[in-house]
Amino acid sequence: MSSRSKISEFIQKQVHQRAKCLCEYCHASEQWQYVQFTVDHIMPLSLGGTDNLENSGVGLLSLQSQEDKSADSN
């Protein structure tokens, strides 16, 4: 079982509205993607990040995975 915290639906909706259907990492439009963008922590909880709006970003899952890997290597 994962200890990963789920971002609340309320925060997820706010993040999607803020992003205006664009990936907050590469600015690709969600309209032209084959998958729905996901909301994840910008700074991982393991590195002191929080579950608030300011630490949540919407984007392509593949870009978020790359961000996770780069955070793990620091």
PDB file of N, CA and C in Angstrom:
ATOM      1  N   MET A   1       0.834  -1.187   0.000  1.00  0.00           N
ATOM      2  CA  MET A   1       0.000   0.000   0.000  1.00  0.00           C
ATOM      3  C   MET A   1       0.877   1.247   0.000  1.00  0.00           C
ATOM      4  N   SER A   2       0.496   2.231  -0.803  1.00  0.00           N
ATOM      5  CA  SER A   2       1.286   3.446  -0.958  1.00  0.00           C
ATOM      6  C   SER A   2       0.974   4.455   0.144  1.00  0.00           C
ATOM      7  N   SER A   3       1.992   5.197   0.567  1.00  0.00           N
ATOM      8  CA  SER A   3       1.783   6.265   1.543  1.00  0.00           C
ATOM      9  C   SER A   3       1.549   7.599   0.835  1.00  0.00           C
ATOM     10  N   ARG A   4       1.467   7.549  -0.481  1.00  0.00           N
ATOM     11  CA  ARG A   4       1.284   8.735  -1.300  1.00  0.00           C
ATOM     12  C   ARG A   4      -0.069   9.382  -1.011  1.00  0.00           C
ATOM     13  N   SER A   5      -0.071  10.680  -0.815  1.00  0.00           N
ATOM     14  CA  SER A   5      -1.287  11.420  -0.503  1.00  0.00           C
ATOM     15  C   SER A   5      -2.039  11.773  -1.782  1.00  0.00           C
ATOM     16  N   LYS A   6      -3.353  11.593  -1.763  1.00  0.00           N
ATOM     17  CA  LYS A   6      -4.189  11.951  -2.900  1.00  0.00           C
ATOM     18  C   LYS A   6      -4.598  13.415  -2.763  1.00  0.00           C
ATOM     19  N   ILE A   7      -4.426  14.165  -3.814  1.00  0.00           N
ATOM     20  CA  ILE A   7      -4.825  15.573  -3.816  1.00  0.00           C
ATOM     21  C   ILE A   7      -6.350  15.626  -3.885  1.00  0.00           C
ATOM     22  N   SER A   8      -6.957  16.460  -3.061  1.00  0.00           N
ATOM     23  CA  SER A   8      -8.423  16.515  -2.987  1.00  0.00           C
ATOM     24  C   SER A   8      -9.036  16.907  -4.332  1.00  0.00           C
ATOM     25  N   GLU A   9     -10.279  16.469  -4.548  1.00  0.00           N
ATOM     26  CA  GLU A   9     -10.986  16.806  -5.790  1.00  0.00           C
ATOM     27  C   GLU A   9     -11.153  18.314  -5.926  1.00  0.00           C
ATOM     28  N   PHE A  10     -11.368  18.999  -4.813  1.00  0.00           N
ATOM     29  CA  PHE A  10     -11.518  20.460  -4.822  1.00  0.00           C
ATOM     30  C   PHE A  10     -10.256  21.129  -5.371  1.00  0.00           C
ATOM     31  N   ILE A  11      -9.093  20.722  -4.873  1.00  0.00           N
ATOM     32  CA  ILE A  11      -7.821  21.278  -5.345  1.00  0.00           C
ATOM     33  C   ILE A  11      -7.605  20.905  -6.805  1.00  0.00           C
ATOM     34  N   GLN A  12      -7.908  19.657  -7.180  1.00  0.00           N
ATOM     35  CA  GLN A  12      -7.724  19.224  -8.565  1.00  0.00           C
ATOM     36  C   GLN A  12      -8.537  20.084  -9.533  1.00  0.00           C
ATOM     37  N   LYS A  13      -9.781  20.394  -9.172  1.00  0.00           N
ATOM     38  CA  LYS A  13     -10.626  21.248 -10.026  1.00  0.00           C
ATOM     39  C   LYS A  13     -10.038  22.650 -10.139  1.00  0.00           C
ATOM     40  N   GLN A  14      -9.540  23.183  -9.023  1.00  0.00           N
ATOM     41  CA  GLN A  14      -8.935  24.521  -9.047  1.00  0.00           C
ATOM     42  C   GLN A  14      -7.688  24.552  -9.931  1.00  0.00           C
ATOM     43  N   VAL A  15      -6.878  23.504  -9.855  1.00  0.00           N
ATOM     44  CA  VAL A  15      -5.653  23.433 -10.654  1.00  0.00           C
ATOM     45  C   VAL A  15      -6.004  23.358 -12.139  1.00  0.00           C
ATOM     46  N   HIS A  16      -6.991  22.548 -12.506  1.00  0.00           N
ATOM     47  CA  HIS A  16      -7.417  22.457 -13.906  1.00  0.00           C
ATOM     48  C   HIS A  16      -7.922  23.810 -14.412  1.00  0.00           C
ATOM     49  N   GLN A  17      -8.686  24.526 -13.595  1.00  0.00           N
ATOM     50  CA  GLN A  17      -9.181  25.849 -13.989  1.00  0.00           C
ATOM     51  C   GLN A  17      -8.022  26.830 -14.179  1.00  0.00           C
ATOM     52  N   ARG A  18      -7.070  26.803 -13.275  1.00  0.00           N
ATOM     53  CA  ARG A  18      -5.911  27.701 -13.362  1.00  0.00           C
ATOM     54  C   ARG A  18      -5.116  27.442 -14.641  1.00  0.00           C
ATOM     55  N   ALA A  19      -4.969  26.169 -15.003  1.00  0.00           N
ATOM     56  CA  ALA A  19      -4.155  25.790 -16.157  1.00  0.00           C
ATOM     57  C   ALA A  19      -4.844  26.065 -17.494  1.00  0.00           C
ATOM     58  N   LYS A  20      -6.148  26.237 -17.480  1.00  0.00           N
ATOM     59  CA  LYS A  20      -6.913  26.513 -18.712  1.00  0.00           C
ATOM     60  C   LYS A  20      -6.651  25.464 -19.787  1.00  0.00           C
ATOM     61  N   CYS A  21      -6.692  24.195 -19.380  1.00  0.00           N
ATOM     62  CA  CYS A  21      -6.538  23.044 -20.284  1.00  0.00           C
ATOM     63  C   CYS A  21      -5.155  22.949 -20.922  1.00  0.00           C
ATOM     64  N   LEU A  22      -4.147  23.526 -20.284  1.00  0.00           N
ATOM     65  CA  LEU A  22      -2.774  23.433 -20.779  1.00  0.00           C
ATOM     66  C   LEU A  22      -1.912  22.719 -19.745  1.00  0.00           C
ATOM     67  N   CYS A  23      -0.948  21.957 -20.241  1.00  0.00           N
ATOM     68  CA  CYS A  23       0.031  21.338 -19.355  1.00  0.00           C
ATOM     69  C   CYS A  23       0.853  22.456 -18.718  1.00  0.00           C
ATOM     70  N   GLU A  24       1.006  22.444 -17.408  1.00  0.00           N
ATOM     71  CA  GLU A  24       1.758  23.503 -16.737  1.00  0.00           C
ATOM     72  C   GLU A  24       3.269  23.298 -16.830  1.00  0.00           C
ATOM     73  N   TYR A  25       3.695  22.186 -17.429  1.00  0.00           N
ATOM     74  CA  TYR A  25       5.126  21.936 -17.641  1.00  0.00           C
ATOM     75  C   TYR A  25       5.537  22.348 -19.056  1.00  0.00           C
ATOM     76  N   CYS A  26       4.778  21.893 -20.079  1.00  0.00           N
ATOM     77  CA  CYS A  26       5.190  22.140 -21.476  1.00  0.00           C
ATOM     78  C   CYS A  26       4.186  22.979 -22.265  1.00  0.00           C
ATOM     79  N   HIS A  27       3.051  23.317 -21.668  1.00  0.00           N
ATOM     80  CA  HIS A  27       2.010  24.151 -22.258  1.00  0.00           C
ATOM     81  C   HIS A  27       1.293  23.495 -23.442  1.00  0.00           C
ATOM     82  N   ALA A  28       1.368  22.161 -23.555  1.00  0.00           N
ATOM     83  CA  ALA A  28       0.594  21.448 -24.572  1.00  0.00           C
ATOM     84  C   ALA A  28      -0.882  21.531 -24.197  1.00  0.00           C
ATOM     85  N   SER A  29      -1.742  21.541 -25.203  1.00  0.00           N
ATOM     86  CA  SER A  29      -3.178  21.602 -24.960  1.00  0.00           C
ATOM     87  C   SER A  29      -3.736  20.212 -24.654  1.00  0.00           C
ATOM     88  N   GLU A  30      -4.531  20.120 -23.614  1.00  0.00           N
ATOM     89  CA  GLU A  30      -5.146  18.840 -23.251  1.00  0.00           C
ATOM     90  C   GLU A  30      -6.080  18.355 -24.353  1.00  0.00           C
ATOM     91  N   GLN A  31      -6.636  19.288 -25.110  1.00  0.00           N
ATOM     92  CA  GLN A  31      -7.579  18.973 -26.184  1.00  0.00           C
ATOM     93  C   GLN A  31      -6.962  18.029 -27.218  1.00  0.00           C
ATOM     94  N   TRP A  32      -5.672  18.128 -27.471  1.00  0.00           N
ATOM     95  CA  TRP A  32      -5.015  17.357 -28.522  1.00  0.00           C
ATOM     96  C   TRP A  32      -4.271  16.131 -28.018  1.00  0.00           C
ATOM     97  N   GLN A  33      -4.467  15.778 -26.754  1.00  0.00           N
ATOM     98  CA  GLN A  33      -3.796  14.619 -26.176  1.00  0.00           C
ATOM     99  C   GLN A  33      -4.744  13.416 -26.159  1.00  0.00           C
ATOM    100  N   TYR A  34      -4.201  12.238 -26.111  1.00  0.00           N
ATOM    101  CA  TYR A  34      -5.004  11.021 -26.056  1.00  0.00           C
ATOM    102  C   TYR A  34      -5.395  10.635 -24.635  1.00  0.00           C
ATOM    103  N   VAL A  35      -4.816  11.285 -23.670  1.00  0.00           N
ATOM    104  CA  VAL A  35      -5.118  11.005 -22.270  1.00  0.00           C
ATOM    105  C   VAL A  35      -5.442  12.305 -21.547  1.00  0.00           C
ATOM    106  N   GLN A  36      -6.254  12.193 -20.499  1.00  0.00           N
ATOM    107  CA  GLN A  36      -6.558  13.366 -19.686  1.00  0.00           C
ATOM    108  C   GLN A  36      -5.345  13.699 -18.829  1.00  0.00           C
ATOM    109  N   PHE A  37      -5.056  14.979 -18.664  1.00  0.00           N
ATOM    110  CA  PHE A  37      -3.945  15.396 -17.827  1.00  0.00           C
ATOM    111  C   PHE A  37      -4.233  15.023 -16.371  1.00  0.00           C
ATOM    112  N   THR A  38      -3.173  14.866 -15.617  1.00  0.00           N
ATOM    113  CA  THR A  38      -3.319  14.521 -14.204  1.00  0.00           C
ATOM    114  C   THR A  38      -2.772  15.645 -13.331  1.00  0.00           C
ATOM    115  N   VAL A  39      -3.274  15.691 -12.119  1.00  0.00           N
ATOM    116  CA  VAL A  39      -2.801  16.673 -11.144  1.00  0.00           C
ATOM    117  C   VAL A  39      -1.875  15.940 -10.179  1.00  0.00           C
ATOM    118  N   ASP A  40      -0.712  16.518  -9.947  1.00  0.00           N
ATOM    119  CA  ASP A  40       0.256  15.896  -9.041  1.00  0.00           C
ATOM    120  C   ASP A  40       0.988  16.990  -8.271  1.00  0.00           C
ATOM    121  N   HIS A  41       1.734  16.570  -7.271  1.00  0.00           N
ATOM    122  CA  HIS A  41       2.526  17.519  -6.476  1.00  0.00           C
ATOM    123  C   HIS A  41       3.707  18.027  -7.302  1.00  0.00           C
ATOM    124  N   ILE A  42       3.985  19.320  -7.246  1.00  0.00           N
ATOM    125  CA  ILE A  42       5.150  19.897  -7.911  1.00  0.00           C
ATOM    126  C   ILE A  42       6.399  19.503  -7.136  1.00  0.00           C
ATOM    127  N   MET A  43       6.416  19.789  -5.853  1.00  0.00           N
ATOM    128  CA  MET A  43       7.494  19.305  -4.985  1.00  0.00           C
ATOM    129  C   MET A  43       6.951  18.068  -4.278  1.00  0.00           C
ATOM    130  N   PRO A  44       7.590  16.935  -4.452  1.00  0.00           N
ATOM    131  CA  PRO A  44       7.089  15.709  -3.824  1.00  0.00           C
ATOM    132  C   PRO A  44       6.943  15.849  -2.310  1.00  0.00           C
ATOM    133  N   LEU A  45       5.943  15.155  -1.792  1.00  0.00           N
ATOM    134  CA  LEU A  45       5.733  15.171  -0.337  1.00  0.00           C
ATOM    135  C   LEU A  45       6.969  14.692   0.396  1.00  0.00           C
ATOM    136  N   SER A  46       7.688  13.740  -0.222  1.00  0.00           N
ATOM    137  CA  SER A  46       8.892  13.195   0.414  1.00  0.00           C
ATOM    138  C   SER A  46      10.003  14.229   0.561  1.00  0.00           C
ATOM    139  N   LEU A  47       9.900  15.328  -0.202  1.00  0.00           N
ATOM    140  CA  LEU A  47      10.903  16.399  -0.113  1.00  0.00           C
ATOM    141  C   LEU A  47      10.352  17.635   0.593  1.00  0.00           C
ATOM    142  N   GLY A  48       9.229  17.453   1.295  1.00  0.00           N
ATOM    143  CA  GLY A  48       8.667  18.558   2.070  1.00  0.00           C
ATOM    144  C   GLY A  48       7.529  19.292   1.398  1.00  0.00           C
ATOM    145  N   GLY A  49       7.053  18.806   0.242  1.00  0.00           N
ATOM    146  CA  GLY A  49       5.926  19.437  -0.434  1.00  0.00           C
ATOM    147  C   GLY A  49       4.633  19.256   0.349  1.00  0.00           C
ATOM    148  N   THR A  50       3.639  20.051   0.012  1.00  0.00           N
ATOM    149  CA  THR A  50       2.347  20.002   0.707  1.00  0.00           C
ATOM    150  C   THR A  50       1.233  19.683  -0.289  1.00  0.00           C
ATOM    151  N   ASP A  51       0.028  19.484   0.249  1.00  0.00           N
ATOM    152  CA  ASP A  51      -1.149  19.180  -0.584  1.00  0.00           C
ATOM    153  C   ASP A  51      -1.933  20.428  -0.966  1.00  0.00           C
ATOM    154  N   ASN A  52      -1.329  21.587  -0.952  1.00  0.00           N
ATOM    155  CA  ASN A  52      -2.080  22.801  -1.250  1.00  0.00           C
ATOM    156  C   ASN A  52      -2.063  23.140  -2.743  1.00  0.00           C
ATOM    157  N   LEU A  53      -2.846  24.151  -3.119  1.00  0.00           N
ATOM    158  CA  LEU A  53      -2.986  24.570  -4.512  1.00  0.00           C
ATOM    159  C   LEU A  53      -1.651  24.999  -5.117  1.00  0.00           C
ATOM    160  N   GLU A  54      -0.844  25.704  -4.355  1.00  0.00           N
ATOM    161  CA  GLU A  54       0.426  26.223  -4.866  1.00  0.00           C
ATOM    162  C   GLU A  54       1.431  25.115  -5.181  1.00  0.00           C
ATOM    163  N   ASN A  55       1.276  23.951  -4.575  1.00  0.00           N
ATOM    164  CA  ASN A  55       2.196  22.845  -4.811  1.00  0.00           C
ATOM    165  C   ASN A  55       1.566  21.763  -5.691  1.00  0.00           C
ATOM    166  N   SER A  56       0.525  22.122  -6.436  1.00  0.00           N
ATOM    167  CA  SER A  56      -0.152  21.180  -7.323  1.00  0.00           C
ATOM    168  C   SER A  56      -0.087  21.696  -8.744  1.00  0.00           C
ATOM    169  N   GLY A  57       0.202  20.800  -9.672  1.00  0.00           N
ATOM    170  CA  GLY A  57       0.285  21.171 -11.075  1.00  0.00           C
ATOM    171  C   GLY A  57      -0.389  20.134 -11.942  1.00  0.00           C
ATOM    172  N   VAL A  58      -0.900  20.573 -13.082  1.00  0.00           N
ATOM    173  CA  VAL A  58      -1.569  19.671 -14.018  1.00  0.00           C
ATOM    174  C   VAL A  58      -0.661  19.463 -15.223  1.00  0.00           C
ATOM    175  N   GLY A  59      -0.607  18.228 -15.683  1.00  0.00           N
ATOM    176  CA  GLY A  59       0.243  17.973 -16.836  1.00  0.00           C
ATOM    177  C   GLY A  59       0.143  16.554 -17.352  1.00  0.00           C
ATOM    178  N   LEU A  60       0.912  16.323 -18.393  1.00  0.00           N
ATOM    179  CA  LEU A  60       1.018  14.993 -18.979  1.00  0.00           C
ATOM    180  C   LEU A  60       1.683  14.061 -17.986  1.00  0.00           C
ATOM    181  N   LEU A  61       1.188  12.871 -17.871  1.00  0.00           N
ATOM    182  CA  LEU A  61       1.746  11.905 -16.933  1.00  0.00           C
ATOM    183  C   LEU A  61       3.217  11.645 -17.229  1.00  0.00           C
ATOM    184  N   SER A  62       3.593  11.576 -18.513  1.00  0.00           N
ATOM    185  CA  SER A  62       4.986  11.289 -18.863  1.00  0.00           C
ATOM    186  C   SER A  62       5.920  12.396 -18.399  1.00  0.00           C
ATOM    187  N   LEU A  63       5.503  13.650 -18.454  1.00  0.00           N
ATOM    188  CA  LEU A  63       6.342  14.751 -17.987  1.00  0.00           C
ATOM    189  C   LEU A  63       6.463  14.728 -16.472  1.00  0.00           C
ATOM    190  N   GLN A  64       5.389  14.383 -15.787  1.00  0.00           N
ATOM    191  CA  GLN A  64       5.440  14.325 -14.336  1.00  0.00           C
ATOM    192  C   GLN A  64       6.363  13.203 -13.886  1.00  0.00           C
ATOM    193  N   SER A  65       6.371  12.105 -14.604  1.00  0.00           N
ATOM    194  CA  SER A  65       7.270  10.998 -14.269  1.00  0.00           C
ATOM    195  C   SER A  65       8.720  11.435 -14.401  1.00  0.00           C
ATOM    196  N   GLN A  66       9.020  12.242 -15.420  1.00  0.00           N
ATOM    197  CA  GLN A  66      10.373  12.754 -15.599  1.00  0.00           C
ATOM    198  C   GLN A  66      10.745  13.682 -14.451  1.00  0.00           C
ATOM    199  N   GLU A  67       9.805  14.496 -14.003  1.00  0.00           N
ATOM    200  CA  GLU A  67      10.051  15.396 -12.870  1.00  0.00           C
ATOM    201  C   GLU A  67      10.337  14.575 -11.613  1.00  0.00           C
ATOM    202  N   ASP A  68       9.575  13.505 -11.399  1.00  0.00           N
ATOM    203  CA  ASP A  68       9.788  12.642 -10.237  1.00  0.00           C
ATOM    204  C   ASP A  68      11.178  12.057 -10.254  1.00  0.00           C
ATOM    205  N   LYS A  69      11.636  11.595 -11.427  1.00  0.00           N
ATOM    206  CA  LYS A  69      12.959  10.994 -11.541  1.00  0.00           C
ATOM    207  C   LYS A  69      14.056  12.004 -11.244  1.00  0.00           C
ATOM    208  N   SER A  70      13.878  13.239 -11.733  1.00  0.00           N
ATOM    209  CA  SER A  70      14.913  14.249 -11.496  1.00  0.00           C
ATOM    210  C   SER A  70      14.935  14.642 -10.017  1.00  0.00           C
ATOM    211  N   ALA A  71      13.784  14.645  -9.355  1.00  0.00           N
ATOM    212  CA  ALA A  71      13.747  14.959  -7.923  1.00  0.00           C
ATOM    213  C   ALA A  71      14.410  13.848  -7.123  1.00  0.00           C
ATOM    214  N   ASP A  72      14.226  12.592  -7.560  1.00  0.00           N
ATOM    215  CA  ASP A  72      14.827  11.464  -6.864  1.00  0.00           C
ATOM    216  C   ASP A  72      16.335  11.471  -6.954  1.00  0.00           C
ATOM    217  N   SER A  73      16.883  12.028  -8.049  1.00  0.00           N
ATOM    218  CA  SER A  73      18.331  12.010  -8.241  1.00  0.00           C
ATOM    219  C   SER A  73      19.051  13.106  -7.469  1.00  0.00           C
ATOM    220  N   ASN A  74      18.290  14.054  -6.887  1.00  0.00           N
ATOM    221  CA  ASN A  74      18.905  15.157  -6.110  1.00  0.00           C
ATOM    222  C   ASN A  74      19.193  14.755  -4.698  1.00  0.00           C
TER     223      ASN A  74
END
